[in-house]
Amino acid sequence: MNDTPRFGTAGLADSYTVKKFDPAAIAAYTAGFGLTAFEYQCGRGVRLAHDKAAALGAACAERNIALSVHAPYYISMSSLEEDKRLHSIDYLLQSCALVKALGGRRVIFHSGSCGKQSREA
């Protein structure tokens, strides 16, 4: 494992103007700032096909850009509703499958607040 710190963005800035999904353009844009990491945002759902993820992973690997995934924001592991907790696990598993397709190693997520429960519960 490489101990060299990496710096990157979470998603693309407004200055990125390419309208279609272009893995080479994303990698070039990121590298153009001297960055060596890129976090793919899935805040509203995991919606990137694995073949496109593999293409982005390959383009970033050529430029030594490490990839990670930010899981959906609506994850709630402490919900009182079992259905929401089970869906949250599914969203995490989808995010893990995506990061694997990208060739990345990290999934970032927010587990949710205590909600209507006490911290002790």
PDB file of N, CA and C in Angstrom:
ATOM      1  N   MET A   1       0.843  -1.186   0.000  1.00  0.00           N
ATOM      2  CA  MET A   1       0.000   0.000   0.000  1.00  0.00           C
ATOM      3  C   MET A   1       0.881   1.239   0.000  1.00  0.00           C
ATOM      4  N   ASN A   2       0.537   2.193  -0.799  1.00  0.00           N
ATOM      5  CA  ASN A   2       1.293   3.434  -0.922  1.00  0.00           C
ATOM      6  C   ASN A   2       0.865   4.407   0.174  1.00  0.00           C
ATOM      7  N   ASP A   3       1.836   4.947   0.911  1.00  0.00           N
ATOM      8  CA  ASP A   3       1.537   5.871   2.003  1.00  0.00           C
ATOM      9  C   ASP A   3       1.539   7.331   1.574  1.00  0.00           C
ATOM     10  N   THR A   4       1.760   7.598   0.302  1.00  0.00           N
ATOM     11  CA  THR A   4       1.778   8.970  -0.185  1.00  0.00           C
ATOM     12  C   THR A   4       0.377   9.565  -0.112  1.00  0.00           C
ATOM     13  N   PRO A   5       0.222  10.722   0.528  1.00  0.00           N
ATOM     14  CA  PRO A   5      -1.121  11.332   0.584  1.00  0.00           C
ATOM     15  C   PRO A   5      -1.635  11.652  -0.823  1.00  0.00           C
ATOM     16  N   ARG A   6      -2.932  11.533  -0.988  1.00  0.00           N
ATOM     17  CA  ARG A   6      -3.584  11.866  -2.254  1.00  0.00           C
ATOM     18  C   ARG A   6      -4.599  12.964  -1.990  1.00  0.00           C
ATOM     19  N   PHE A   7      -4.764  13.815  -2.980  1.00  0.00           N
ATOM     20  CA  PHE A   7      -5.727  14.897  -2.881  1.00  0.00           C
ATOM     21  C   PHE A   7      -6.602  14.866  -4.121  1.00  0.00           C
ATOM     22  N   GLY A   8      -7.875  15.109  -3.911  1.00  0.00           N
ATOM     23  CA  GLY A   8      -8.796  15.091  -5.041  1.00  0.00           C
ATOM     24  C   GLY A   8     -10.096  15.773  -4.700  1.00  0.00           C
ATOM     25  N   THR A   9     -11.032  15.641  -5.601  1.00  0.00           N
ATOM     26  CA  THR A   9     -12.336  16.272  -5.437  1.00  0.00           C
ATOM     27  C   THR A   9     -13.420  15.224  -5.222  1.00  0.00           C
ATOM     28  N   ALA A  10     -14.514  15.680  -4.681  1.00  0.00           N
ATOM     29  CA  ALA A  10     -15.725  14.871  -4.589  1.00  0.00           C
ATOM     30  C   ALA A  10     -16.629  15.351  -5.721  1.00  0.00           C
ATOM     31  N   GLY A  11     -16.615  14.636  -6.820  1.00  0.00           N
ATOM     32  CA  GLY A  11     -17.386  15.053  -7.984  1.00  0.00           C
ATOM     33  C   GLY A  11     -16.632  16.067  -8.814  1.00  0.00           C
ATOM     34  N   LEU A  12     -17.330  16.611  -9.782  1.00  0.00           N
ATOM     35  CA  LEU A  12     -16.734  17.553 -10.732  1.00  0.00           C
ATOM     36  C   LEU A  12     -17.201  18.978 -10.442  1.00  0.00           C
ATOM     37  N   ALA A  13     -16.316  19.928 -10.668  1.00  0.00           N
ATOM     38  CA  ALA A  13     -16.627  21.341 -10.444  1.00  0.00           C
ATOM     39  C   ALA A  13     -17.515  21.875 -11.568  1.00  0.00           C
ATOM     40  N   ASP A  14     -18.117  23.012 -11.324  1.00  0.00           N
ATOM     41  CA  ASP A  14     -18.943  23.667 -12.341  1.00  0.00           C
ATOM     42  C   ASP A  14     -18.145  24.018 -13.593  1.00  0.00           C
ATOM     43  N   SER A  15     -16.837  24.137 -13.448  1.00  0.00           N
ATOM     44  CA  SER A  15     -16.006  24.489 -14.604  1.00  0.00           C
ATOM     45  C   SER A  15     -15.820  23.314 -15.568  1.00  0.00           C
ATOM     46  N   TYR A  16     -16.205  22.104 -15.156  1.00  0.00           N
ATOM     47  CA  TYR A  16     -16.152  20.947 -16.056  1.00  0.00           C
ATOM     48  C   TYR A  16     -17.355  21.056 -16.988  1.00  0.00           C
ATOM     49  N   THR A  17     -17.093  21.224 -18.265  1.00  0.00           N
ATOM     50  CA  THR A  17     -18.185  21.547 -19.197  1.00  0.00           C
ATOM     51  C   THR A  17     -18.552  20.429 -20.164  1.00  0.00           C
ATOM     52  N   VAL A  18     -17.888  19.289 -20.103  1.00  0.00           N
ATOM     53  CA  VAL A  18     -18.227  18.169 -20.985  1.00  0.00           C
ATOM     54  C   VAL A  18     -19.589  17.624 -20.557  1.00  0.00           C
ATOM     55  N   LYS A  19     -20.538  17.564 -21.462  1.00  0.00           N
ATOM     56  CA  LYS A  19     -21.912  17.203 -21.108  1.00  0.00           C
ATOM     57  C   LYS A  19     -22.172  15.701 -21.085  1.00  0.00           C
ATOM     58  N   LYS A  20     -21.420  14.923 -21.859  1.00  0.00           N
ATOM     59  CA  LYS A  20     -21.633  13.484 -21.864  1.00  0.00           C
ATOM     60  C   LYS A  20     -20.607  12.806 -20.968  1.00  0.00           C
ATOM     61  N   PHE A  21     -20.882  11.577 -20.591  1.00  0.00           N
ATOM     62  CA  PHE A  21     -19.952  10.823 -19.759  1.00  0.00           C
ATOM     63  C   PHE A  21     -18.727  10.486 -20.597  1.00  0.00           C
ATOM     64  N   ASP A  22     -17.577  11.031 -20.205  1.00  0.00           N
ATOM     65  CA  ASP A  22     -16.337  10.841 -20.948  1.00  0.00           C
ATOM     66  C   ASP A  22     -15.220  10.534 -19.953  1.00  0.00           C
ATOM     67  N   PRO A  23     -14.937   9.242 -19.730  1.00  0.00           N
ATOM     68  CA  PRO A  23     -13.927   8.875 -18.733  1.00  0.00           C
ATOM     69  C   PRO A  23     -12.578   9.545 -18.946  1.00  0.00           C
ATOM     70  N   ALA A  24     -12.110   9.611 -20.187  1.00  0.00           N
ATOM     71  CA  ALA A  24     -10.806  10.232 -20.451  1.00  0.00           C
ATOM     72  C   ALA A  24     -10.829  11.716 -20.101  1.00  0.00           C
ATOM     73  N   ALA A  25     -11.935  12.392 -20.389  1.00  0.00           N
ATOM     74  CA  ALA A  25     -12.046  13.824 -20.075  1.00  0.00           C
ATOM     75  C   ALA A  25     -12.085  14.048 -18.564  1.00  0.00           C
ATOM     76  N   ILE A  26     -12.772  13.173 -17.841  1.00  0.00           N
ATOM     77  CA  ILE A  26     -12.825  13.297 -16.380  1.00  0.00           C
ATOM     78  C   ILE A  26     -11.430  13.112 -15.791  1.00  0.00           C
ATOM     79  N   ALA A  27     -10.715  12.102 -16.272  1.00  0.00           N
ATOM     80  CA  ALA A  27      -9.356  11.848 -15.774  1.00  0.00           C
ATOM     81  C   ALA A  27      -8.424  13.011 -16.122  1.00  0.00           C
ATOM     82  N   ALA A  28      -8.526  13.512 -17.336  1.00  0.00           N
ATOM     83  CA  ALA A  28      -7.672  14.632 -17.759  1.00  0.00           C
ATOM     84  C   ALA A  28      -7.985  15.888 -16.952  1.00  0.00           C
ATOM     85  N   TYR A  29      -9.255  16.152 -16.731  1.00  0.00           N
ATOM     86  CA  TYR A  29      -9.677  17.323 -15.957  1.00  0.00           C
ATOM     87  C   TYR A  29      -9.111  17.242 -14.538  1.00  0.00           C
ATOM     88  N   THR A  30      -9.247  16.079 -13.916  1.00  0.00           N
ATOM     89  CA  THR A  30      -8.756  15.884 -12.552  1.00  0.00           C
ATOM     90  C   THR A  30      -7.239  16.033 -12.503  1.00  0.00           C
ATOM     91  N   ALA A  31      -6.548  15.359 -13.409  1.00  0.00           N
ATOM     92  CA  ALA A  31      -5.083  15.422 -13.444  1.00  0.00           C
ATOM     93  C   ALA A  31      -4.591  16.824 -13.777  1.00  0.00           C
ATOM     94  N   GLY A  32      -5.377  17.572 -14.540  1.00  0.00           N
ATOM     95  CA  GLY A  32      -4.997  18.929 -14.918  1.00  0.00           C
ATOM     96  C   GLY A  32      -4.833  19.862 -13.730  1.00  0.00           C
ATOM     97  N   PHE A  33      -5.444  19.523 -12.617  1.00  0.00           N
ATOM     98  CA  PHE A  33      -5.289  20.310 -11.393  1.00  0.00           C
ATOM     99  C   PHE A  33      -4.186  19.751 -10.498  1.00  0.00           C
ATOM    100  N   GLY A  34      -3.512  18.706 -10.981  1.00  0.00           N
ATOM    101  CA  GLY A  34      -2.471  18.080 -10.180  1.00  0.00           C
ATOM    102  C   GLY A  34      -3.030  17.162  -9.105  1.00  0.00           C
ATOM    103  N   LEU A  35      -4.285  16.762  -9.252  1.00  0.00           N
ATOM    104  CA  LEU A  35      -4.936  15.916  -8.254  1.00  0.00           C
ATOM    105  C   LEU A  35      -4.688  14.443  -8.543  1.00  0.00           C
ATOM    106  N   THR A  36      -4.686  13.648  -7.481  1.00  0.00           N
ATOM    107  CA  THR A  36      -4.411  12.219  -7.624  1.00  0.00           C
ATOM    108  C   THR A  36      -5.521  11.347  -7.033  1.00  0.00           C
ATOM    109  N   ALA A  37      -6.682  11.938  -6.808  1.00  0.00           N
ATOM    110  CA  ALA A  37      -7.824  11.189  -6.290  1.00  0.00           C
ATOM    111  C   ALA A  37      -9.113  11.800  -6.826  1.00  0.00           C
ATOM    112  N   PHE A  38     -10.146  10.960  -6.931  1.00  0.00           N
ATOM    113  CA  PHE A  38     -11.457  11.415  -7.393  1.00  0.00           C
ATOM    114  C   PHE A  38     -12.518  10.573  -6.701  1.00  0.00           C
ATOM    115  N   GLU A  39     -13.469  11.243  -6.080  1.00  0.00           N
ATOM    116  CA  GLU A  39     -14.570  10.559  -5.399  1.00  0.00           C
ATOM    117  C   GLU A  39     -15.807  10.640  -6.281  1.00  0.00           C
ATOM    118  N   TYR A  40     -16.276   9.494  -6.750  1.00  0.00           N
ATOM    119  CA  TYR A  40     -17.486   9.450  -7.573  1.00  0.00           C
ATOM    120  C   TYR A  40     -18.700   9.587  -6.649  1.00  0.00           C
ATOM    121  N   GLN A  41     -19.544  10.556  -6.939  1.00  0.00           N
ATOM    122  CA  GLN A  41     -20.679  10.880  -6.085  1.00  0.00           C
ATOM    123  C   GLN A  41     -21.930  10.077  -6.451  1.00  0.00           C
ATOM    124  N   CYS A  42     -22.475   9.384  -5.481  1.00  0.00           N
ATOM    125  CA  CYS A  42     -23.736   8.656  -5.651  1.00  0.00           C
ATOM    126  C   CYS A  42     -24.745   9.162  -4.627  1.00  0.00           C
ATOM    127  N   GLY A  43     -24.698  10.431  -4.334  1.00  0.00           N
ATOM    128  CA  GLY A  43     -25.534  11.013  -3.290  1.00  0.00           C
ATOM    129  C   GLY A  43     -27.016  10.747  -3.447  1.00  0.00           C
ATOM    130  N   ARG A  44     -27.469  10.644  -4.687  1.00  0.00           N
ATOM    131  CA  ARG A  44     -28.907  10.417  -4.935  1.00  0.00           C
ATOM    132  C   ARG A  44     -29.178   9.036  -5.517  1.00  0.00           C
ATOM    133  N   GLY A  45     -28.223   8.137  -5.376  1.00  0.00           N
ATOM    134  CA  GLY A  45     -28.407   6.769  -5.842  1.00  0.00           C
ATOM    135  C   GLY A  45     -27.226   6.283  -6.662  1.00  0.00           C
ATOM    136  N   VAL A  46     -27.013   4.984  -6.648  1.00  0.00           N
ATOM    137  CA  VAL A  46     -25.925   4.362  -7.389  1.00  0.00           C
ATOM    138  C   VAL A  46     -26.438   4.112  -8.802  1.00  0.00           C
ATOM    139  N   ARG A  47     -26.011   4.967  -9.736  1.00  0.00           N
ATOM    140  CA  ARG A  47     -26.593   4.945 -11.078  1.00  0.00           C
ATOM    141  C   ARG A  47     -25.573   4.821 -12.207  1.00  0.00           C
ATOM    142  N   LEU A  48     -24.360   4.457 -11.907  1.00  0.00           N
ATOM    143  CA  LEU A  48     -23.345   4.312 -12.945  1.00  0.00           C
ATOM    144  C   LEU A  48     -23.230   2.838 -13.307  1.00  0.00           C
ATOM    145  N   ALA A  49     -23.411   2.531 -14.582  1.00  0.00           N
ATOM    146  CA  ALA A  49     -23.285   1.148 -15.052  1.00  0.00           C
ATOM    147  C   ALA A  49     -21.850   0.668 -14.854  1.00  0.00           C
ATOM    148  N   HIS A  50     -21.697  -0.606 -14.584  1.00  0.00           N
ATOM    149  CA  HIS A  50     -20.368  -1.134 -14.273  1.00  0.00           C
ATOM    150  C   HIS A  50     -19.417  -1.084 -15.456  1.00  0.00           C
ATOM    151  N   ASP A  51     -19.919  -1.161 -16.684  1.00  0.00           N
ATOM    152  CA  ASP A  51     -19.018  -1.034 -17.834  1.00  0.00           C
ATOM    153  C   ASP A  51     -18.474   0.393 -17.936  1.00  0.00           C
ATOM    154  N   LYS A  52     -19.300   1.380 -17.644  1.00  0.00           N
ATOM    155  CA  LYS A  52     -18.832   2.768 -17.636  1.00  0.00           C
ATOM    156  C   LYS A  52     -17.875   2.997 -16.466  1.00  0.00           C
ATOM    157  N   ALA A  53     -18.162   2.358 -15.340  1.00  0.00           N
ATOM    158  CA  ALA A  53     -17.276   2.468 -14.180  1.00  0.00           C
ATOM    159  C   ALA A  53     -15.901   1.896 -14.509  1.00  0.00           C
ATOM    160  N   ALA A  54     -15.866   0.765 -15.191  1.00  0.00           N
ATOM    161  CA  ALA A  54     -14.584   0.155 -15.566  1.00  0.00           C
ATOM    162  C   ALA A  54     -13.805   1.069 -16.508  1.00  0.00           C
ATOM    163  N   ALA A  55     -14.513   1.734 -17.424  1.00  0.00           N
ATOM    164  CA  ALA A  55     -13.854   2.668 -18.347  1.00  0.00           C
ATOM    165  C   ALA A  55     -13.271   3.859 -17.593  1.00  0.00           C
ATOM    166  N   LEU A  56     -14.026   4.385 -16.622  1.00  0.00           N
ATOM    167  CA  LEU A  56     -13.516   5.492 -15.817  1.00  0.00           C
ATOM    168  C   LEU A  56     -12.324   5.025 -14.988  1.00  0.00           C
ATOM    169  N   GLY A  57     -12.418   3.826 -14.426  1.00  0.00           N
ATOM    170  CA  GLY A  57     -11.308   3.285 -13.651  1.00  0.00           C
ATOM    171  C   GLY A  57     -10.043   3.151 -14.472  1.00  0.00           C
ATOM    172  N   ALA A  58     -10.178   2.679 -15.696  1.00  0.00           N
ATOM    173  CA  ALA A  58      -9.014   2.518 -16.573  1.00  0.00           C
ATOM    174  C   ALA A  58      -8.408   3.870 -16.935  1.00  0.00           C
ATOM    175  N   ALA A  59      -9.255   4.845 -17.251  1.00  0.00           N
ATOM    176  CA  ALA A  59      -8.768   6.180 -17.616  1.00  0.00           C
ATOM    177  C   ALA A  59      -8.049   6.834 -16.441  1.00  0.00           C
ATOM    178  N   CYS A  60      -8.578   6.655 -15.247  1.00  0.00           N
ATOM    179  CA  CYS A  60      -7.939   7.245 -14.061  1.00  0.00           C
ATOM    180  C   CYS A  60      -6.659   6.502 -13.686  1.00  0.00           C
ATOM    181  N   ALA A  61      -6.652   5.192 -13.874  1.00  0.00           N
ATOM    182  CA  ALA A  61      -5.448   4.412 -13.565  1.00  0.00           C
ATOM    183  C   ALA A  61      -4.279   4.854 -14.439  1.00  0.00           C
ATOM    184  N   GLU A  62      -4.559   5.199 -15.693  1.00  0.00           N
ATOM    185  CA  GLU A  62      -3.504   5.674 -16.592  1.00  0.00           C
ATOM    186  C   GLU A  62      -2.853   6.952 -16.075  1.00  0.00           C
ATOM    187  N   ARG A  63      -3.573   7.701 -15.273  1.00  0.00           N
ATOM    188  CA  ARG A  63      -3.064   8.980 -14.742  1.00  0.00           C
ATOM    189  C   ARG A  63      -2.781   8.901 -13.238  1.00  0.00           C
ATOM    190  N   ASN A  64      -2.758   7.684 -12.703  1.00  0.00           N
ATOM    191  CA  ASN A  64      -2.466   7.454 -11.283  1.00  0.00           C
ATOM    192  C   ASN A  64      -3.456   8.178 -10.362  1.00  0.00           C
ATOM    193  N   ILE A  65      -4.721   8.153 -10.735  1.00  0.00           N
ATOM    194  CA  ILE A  65      -5.777   8.776  -9.933  1.00  0.00           C
ATOM    195  C   ILE A  65      -6.535   7.672  -9.202  1.00  0.00           C
ATOM    196  N   ALA A  66      -6.525   7.722  -7.884  1.00  0.00           N
ATOM    197  CA  ALA A  66      -7.252   6.754  -7.064  1.00  0.00           C
ATOM    198  C   ALA A  66      -8.733   7.130  -7.036  1.00  0.00           C
ATOM    199  N   LEU A  67      -9.592   6.127  -7.051  1.00  0.00           N
ATOM    200  CA  LEU A  67     -11.036   6.367  -7.064  1.00  0.00           C
ATOM    201  C   LEU A  67     -11.696   5.850  -5.792  1.00  0.00           C
ATOM    202  N   SER A  68     -12.704   6.577  -5.358  1.00  0.00           N
ATOM    203  CA  SER A  68     -13.553   6.158  -4.250  1.00  0.00           C
ATOM    204  C   SER A  68     -14.992   6.489  -4.629  1.00  0.00           C
ATOM    205  N   VAL A  69     -15.926   6.017  -3.817  1.00  0.00           N
ATOM    206  CA  VAL A  69     -17.350   6.240  -4.063  1.00  0.00           C
ATOM    207  C   VAL A  69     -17.979   6.832  -2.814  1.00  0.00           C
ATOM    208  N   HIS A  70     -18.806   7.847  -2.996  1.00  0.00           N
ATOM    209  CA  HIS A  70     -19.631   8.352  -1.899  1.00  0.00           C
ATOM    210  C   HIS A  70     -21.004   7.732  -2.052  1.00  0.00           C
ATOM    211  N   ALA A  71     -21.396   6.935  -1.071  1.00  0.00           N
ATOM    212  CA  ALA A  71     -22.680   6.241  -1.089  1.00  0.00           C
ATOM    213  C   ALA A  71     -23.837   7.245  -0.975  1.00  0.00           C
ATOM    214  N   PRO A  72     -25.053   6.810  -1.293  1.00  0.00           N
ATOM    215  CA  PRO A  72     -26.212   7.706  -1.210  1.00  0.00           C
ATOM    216  C   PRO A  72     -26.366   8.360   0.165  1.00  0.00           C
ATOM    217  N   TYR A  73     -26.848   9.581   0.138  1.00  0.00           N
ATOM    218  CA  TYR A  73     -27.024  10.360   1.369  1.00  0.00           C
ATOM    219  C   TYR A  73     -28.168   9.844   2.227  1.00  0.00           C
ATOM    220  N   TYR A  74     -29.116   9.138   1.647  1.00  0.00           N
ATOM    221  CA  TYR A  74     -30.298   8.744   2.406  1.00  0.00           C
ATOM    222  C   TYR A  74     -30.121   7.434   3.175  1.00  0.00           C
ATOM    223  N   ILE A  75     -28.903   7.005   3.396  1.00  0.00           N
ATOM    224  CA  ILE A  75     -28.639   5.834   4.227  1.00  0.00           C
ATOM    225  C   ILE A  75     -28.966   6.186   5.677  1.00  0.00           C
ATOM    226  N   SER A  76     -29.654   5.265   6.342  1.00  0.00           N
ATOM    227  CA  SER A  76     -29.996   5.472   7.746  1.00  0.00           C
ATOM    228  C   SER A  76     -29.934   4.137   8.468  1.00  0.00           C
ATOM    229  N   MET A  77     -28.780   3.845   9.023  1.00  0.00           N
ATOM    230  CA  MET A  77     -28.584   2.574   9.713  1.00  0.00           C
ATOM    231  C   MET A  77     -29.264   2.530  11.081  1.00  0.00           C
ATOM    232  N   SER A  78     -29.710   3.668  11.575  1.00  0.00           N
ATOM    233  CA  SER A  78     -30.341   3.695  12.900  1.00  0.00           C
ATOM    234  C   SER A  78     -31.842   3.970  12.830  1.00  0.00           C
ATOM    235  N   SER A  79     -32.411   3.851  11.652  1.00  0.00           N
ATOM    236  CA  SER A  79     -33.848   4.081  11.518  1.00  0.00           C
ATOM    237  C   SER A  79     -34.624   3.081  12.376  1.00  0.00           C
ATOM    238  N   LEU A  80     -35.725   3.533  12.916  1.00  0.00           N
ATOM    239  CA  LEU A  80     -36.595   2.631  13.667  1.00  0.00           C
ATOM    240  C   LEU A  80     -37.365   1.702  12.732  1.00  0.00           C
ATOM    241  N   GLU A  81     -37.375   2.030  11.446  1.00  0.00           N
ATOM    242  CA  GLU A  81     -38.086   1.223  10.451  1.00  0.00           C
ATOM    243  C   GLU A  81     -37.132   0.196   9.837  1.00  0.00           C
ATOM    244  N   GLU A  82     -37.448  -1.071  10.039  1.00  0.00           N
ATOM    245  CA  GLU A  82     -36.587  -2.139   9.542  1.00  0.00           C
ATOM    246  C   GLU A  82     -36.371  -2.053   8.030  1.00  0.00           C
ATOM    247  N   ASP A  83     -37.417  -1.712   7.290  1.00  0.00           N
ATOM    248  CA  ASP A  83     -37.327  -1.614   5.841  1.00  0.00           C
ATOM    249  C   ASP A  83     -36.261  -0.590   5.424  1.00  0.00           C
ATOM    250  N   LYS A  84     -36.224   0.545   6.105  1.00  0.00           N
ATOM    251  CA  LYS A  84     -35.221   1.570   5.793  1.00  0.00           C
ATOM    252  C   LYS A  84     -33.812   1.074   6.105  1.00  0.00           C
ATOM    253  N   ARG A  85     -33.656   0.359   7.201  1.00  0.00           N
ATOM    254  CA  ARG A  85     -32.343  -0.177   7.554  1.00  0.00           C
ATOM    255  C   ARG A  85     -31.883  -1.204   6.514  1.00  0.00           C
ATOM    256  N   LEU A  86     -32.796  -2.068   6.077  1.00  0.00           N
ATOM    257  CA  LEU A  86     -32.446  -3.084   5.087  1.00  0.00           C
ATOM    258  C   LEU A  86     -32.106  -2.457   3.740  1.00  0.00           C
ATOM    259  N   HIS A  87     -32.849  -1.426   3.351  1.00  0.00           N
ATOM    260  CA  HIS A  87     -32.530  -0.716   2.114  1.00  0.00           C
ATOM    261  C   HIS A  87     -31.168  -0.028   2.235  1.00  0.00           C
ATOM    262  N   SER A  88     -30.873   0.485   3.405  1.00  0.00           N
ATOM    263  CA  SER A  88     -29.586   1.139   3.629  1.00  0.00           C
ATOM    264  C   SER A  88     -28.437   0.160   3.421  1.00  0.00           C
ATOM    265  N   ILE A  89     -28.601  -1.056   3.894  1.00  0.00           N
ATOM    266  CA  ILE A  89     -27.575  -2.083   3.681  1.00  0.00           C
ATOM    267  C   ILE A  89     -27.423  -2.348   2.188  1.00  0.00           C
ATOM    268  N   ASP A  90     -28.540  -2.425   1.468  1.00  0.00           N
ATOM    269  CA  ASP A  90     -28.502  -2.649   0.020  1.00  0.00           C
ATOM    270  C   ASP A  90     -27.770  -1.508  -0.689  1.00  0.00           C
ATOM    271  N   TYR A  91     -28.030  -0.253  -0.282  1.00  0.00           N
ATOM    272  CA  TYR A  91     -27.341   0.887  -0.897  1.00  0.00           C
ATOM    273  C   TYR A  91     -25.835   0.805  -0.664  1.00  0.00           C
ATOM    274  N   LEU A  92     -25.439   0.358   0.521  1.00  0.00           N
ATOM    275  CA  LEU A  92     -24.012   0.202   0.803  1.00  0.00           C
ATOM    276  C   LEU A  92     -23.396  -0.898  -0.073  1.00  0.00           C
ATOM    277  N   LEU A  93     -24.125  -1.996  -0.228  1.00  0.00           N
ATOM    278  CA  LEU A  93     -23.618  -3.087  -1.064  1.00  0.00           C
ATOM    279  C   LEU A  93     -23.519  -2.658  -2.534  1.00  0.00           C
ATOM    280  N   GLN A  94     -24.492  -1.878  -3.012  1.00  0.00           N
ATOM    281  CA  GLN A  94     -24.426  -1.342  -4.379  1.00  0.00           C
ATOM    282  C   GLN A  94     -23.201  -0.436  -4.532  1.00  0.00           C
ATOM    283  N   SER A  95     -22.943   0.374  -3.527  1.00  0.00           N
ATOM    284  CA  SER A  95     -21.790   1.275  -3.557  1.00  0.00           C
ATOM    285  C   SER A  95     -20.490   0.480  -3.565  1.00  0.00           C
ATOM    286  N   CYS A  96     -20.437  -0.609  -2.799  1.00  0.00           N
ATOM    287  CA  CYS A  96     -19.243  -1.459  -2.768  1.00  0.00           C
ATOM    288  C   CYS A  96     -19.014  -2.125  -4.122  1.00  0.00           C
ATOM    289  N   ALA A  97     -20.089  -2.580  -4.763  1.00  0.00           N
ATOM    290  CA  ALA A  97     -19.959  -3.185  -6.093  1.00  0.00           C
ATOM    291  C   ALA A  97     -19.448  -2.152  -7.091  1.00  0.00           C
ATOM    292  N   LEU A  98     -19.928  -0.913  -6.975  1.00  0.00           N
ATOM    293  CA  LEU A  98     -19.483   0.132  -7.888  1.00  0.00           C
ATOM    294  C   LEU A  98     -18.008   0.461  -7.682  1.00  0.00           C
ATOM    295  N   VAL A  99     -17.581   0.602  -6.442  1.00  0.00           N
ATOM    296  CA  VAL A  99     -16.168   0.936  -6.208  1.00  0.00           C
ATOM    297  C   VAL A  99     -15.273  -0.187  -6.724  1.00  0.00           C
ATOM    298  N   LYS A 100     -15.734  -1.418  -6.617  1.00  0.00           N
ATOM    299  CA  LYS A 100     -14.964  -2.543  -7.164  1.00  0.00           C
ATOM    300  C   LYS A 100     -14.869  -2.426  -8.682  1.00  0.00           C
ATOM    301  N   ALA A 101     -15.988  -2.086  -9.348  1.00  0.00           N
ATOM    302  CA  ALA A 101     -15.987  -1.917 -10.803  1.00  0.00           C
ATOM    303  C   ALA A 101     -15.068  -0.768 -11.225  1.00  0.00           C
ATOM    304  N   LEU A 102     -14.973   0.260 -10.406  1.00  0.00           N
ATOM    305  CA  LEU A 102     -14.084   1.393 -10.678  1.00  0.00           C
ATOM    306  C   LEU A 102     -12.614   1.044 -10.451  1.00  0.00           C
ATOM    307  N   GLY A 103     -12.371  -0.007  -9.685  1.00  0.00           N
ATOM    308  CA  GLY A 103     -10.996  -0.332  -9.308  1.00  0.00           C
ATOM    309  C   GLY A 103     -10.565   0.438  -8.078  1.00  0.00           C
ATOM    310  N   GLY A 104     -11.526   0.998  -7.371  1.00  0.00           N
ATOM    311  CA  GLY A 104     -11.236   1.764  -6.161  1.00  0.00           C
ATOM    312  C   GLY A 104     -11.244   0.884  -4.928  1.00  0.00           C
ATOM    313  N   ARG A 105     -10.987   1.508  -3.781  1.00  0.00           N
ATOM    314  CA  ARG A 105     -10.889   0.750  -2.535  1.00  0.00           C
ATOM    315  C   ARG A 105     -11.700   1.323  -1.389  1.00  0.00           C
ATOM    316  N   ARG A 106     -12.317   2.478  -1.571  1.00  0.00           N
ATOM    317  CA  ARG A 106     -13.009   3.117  -0.446  1.00  0.00           C
ATOM    318  C   ARG A 106     -14.423   3.539  -0.812  1.00  0.00           C
ATOM    319  N   VAL A 107     -15.326   3.319   0.153  1.00  0.00           N
ATOM    320  CA  VAL A 107     -16.697   3.815   0.057  1.00  0.00           C
ATOM    321  C   VAL A 107     -16.906   4.717   1.258  1.00  0.00           C
ATOM    322  N   ILE A 108     -17.364   5.920   0.998  1.00  0.00           N
ATOM    323  CA  ILE A 108     -17.636   6.887   2.048  1.00  0.00           C
ATOM    324  C   ILE A 108     -19.141   6.929   2.250  1.00  0.00           C
ATOM    325  N   PHE A 109     -19.588   6.896   3.489  1.00  0.00           N
ATOM    326  CA  PHE A 109     -21.029   6.992   3.746  1.00  0.00           C
ATOM    327  C   PHE A 109     -21.264   7.619   5.111  1.00  0.00           C
ATOM    328  N   HIS A 110     -22.453   8.130   5.273  1.00  0.00           N
ATOM    329  CA  HIS A 110     -22.895   8.692   6.543  1.00  0.00           C
ATOM    330  C   HIS A 110     -23.952   7.747   7.079  1.00  0.00           C
ATOM    331  N   SER A 111     -23.733   7.234   8.266  1.00  0.00           N
ATOM    332  CA  SER A 111     -24.600   6.185   8.801  1.00  0.00           C
ATOM    333  C   SER A 111     -25.973   6.683   9.256  1.00  0.00           C
ATOM    334  N   GLY A 112     -26.131   7.972   9.368  1.00  0.00           N
ATOM    335  CA  GLY A 112     -27.412   8.510   9.823  1.00  0.00           C
ATOM    336  C   GLY A 112     -27.341   8.930  11.277  1.00  0.00           C
ATOM    337  N   SER A 113     -28.279   9.745  11.684  1.00  0.00           N
ATOM    338  CA  SER A 113     -28.299  10.230  13.057  1.00  0.00           C
ATOM    339  C   SER A 113     -29.076   9.264  13.952  1.00  0.00           C
ATOM    340  N   CYS A 114     -29.145   9.602  15.200  1.00  0.00           N
ATOM    341  CA  CYS A 114     -29.907   8.797  16.159  1.00  0.00           C
ATOM    342  C   CYS A 114     -31.404   8.866  15.877  1.00  0.00           C
ATOM    343  N   GLY A 115     -31.787   9.919  15.168  1.00  0.00           N
ATOM    344  CA  GLY A 115     -33.209  10.075  14.894  1.00  0.00           C
ATOM    345  C   GLY A 115     -34.002  10.304  16.157  1.00  0.00           C
ATOM    346  N   LYS A 116     -35.024   9.513  16.345  1.00  0.00           N
ATOM    347  CA  LYS A 116     -35.911   9.670  17.501  1.00  0.00           C
ATOM    348  C   LYS A 116     -35.455   8.839  18.695  1.00  0.00           C
ATOM    349  N   GLN A 117     -34.274   8.217  18.581  1.00  0.00           N
ATOM    350  CA  GLN A 117     -33.758   7.414  19.668  1.00  0.00           C
ATOM    351  C   GLN A 117     -32.728   8.186  20.476  1.00  0.00           C
ATOM    352  N   SER A 118     -32.464   7.714  21.662  1.00  0.00           N
ATOM    353  CA  SER A 118     -31.377   8.305  22.450  1.00  0.00           C
ATOM    354  C   SER A 118     -30.067   7.687  21.953  1.00  0.00           C
ATOM    355  N   ARG A 119     -28.964   8.314  22.247  1.00  0.00           N
ATOM    356  CA  ARG A 119     -27.661   7.759  21.846  1.00  0.00           C
ATOM    357  C   ARG A 119     -27.412   6.416  22.531  1.00  0.00           C
ATOM    358  N   GLU A 120     -27.897   6.260  23.731  1.00  0.00           N
ATOM    359  CA  GLU A 120     -27.715   5.012  24.466  1.00  0.00           C
ATOM    360  C   GLU A 120     -28.445   3.866  23.768  1.00  0.00           C
ATOM    361  N   ALA A 121     -29.624   4.121  23.263  1.00  0.00           N
ATOM    362  CA  ALA A 121     -30.407   3.073  22.574  1.00  0.00           C
ATOM    363  C   ALA A 121     -29.715   2.691  21.297  1.00  0.00           C
TER     364      ALA A 121
END
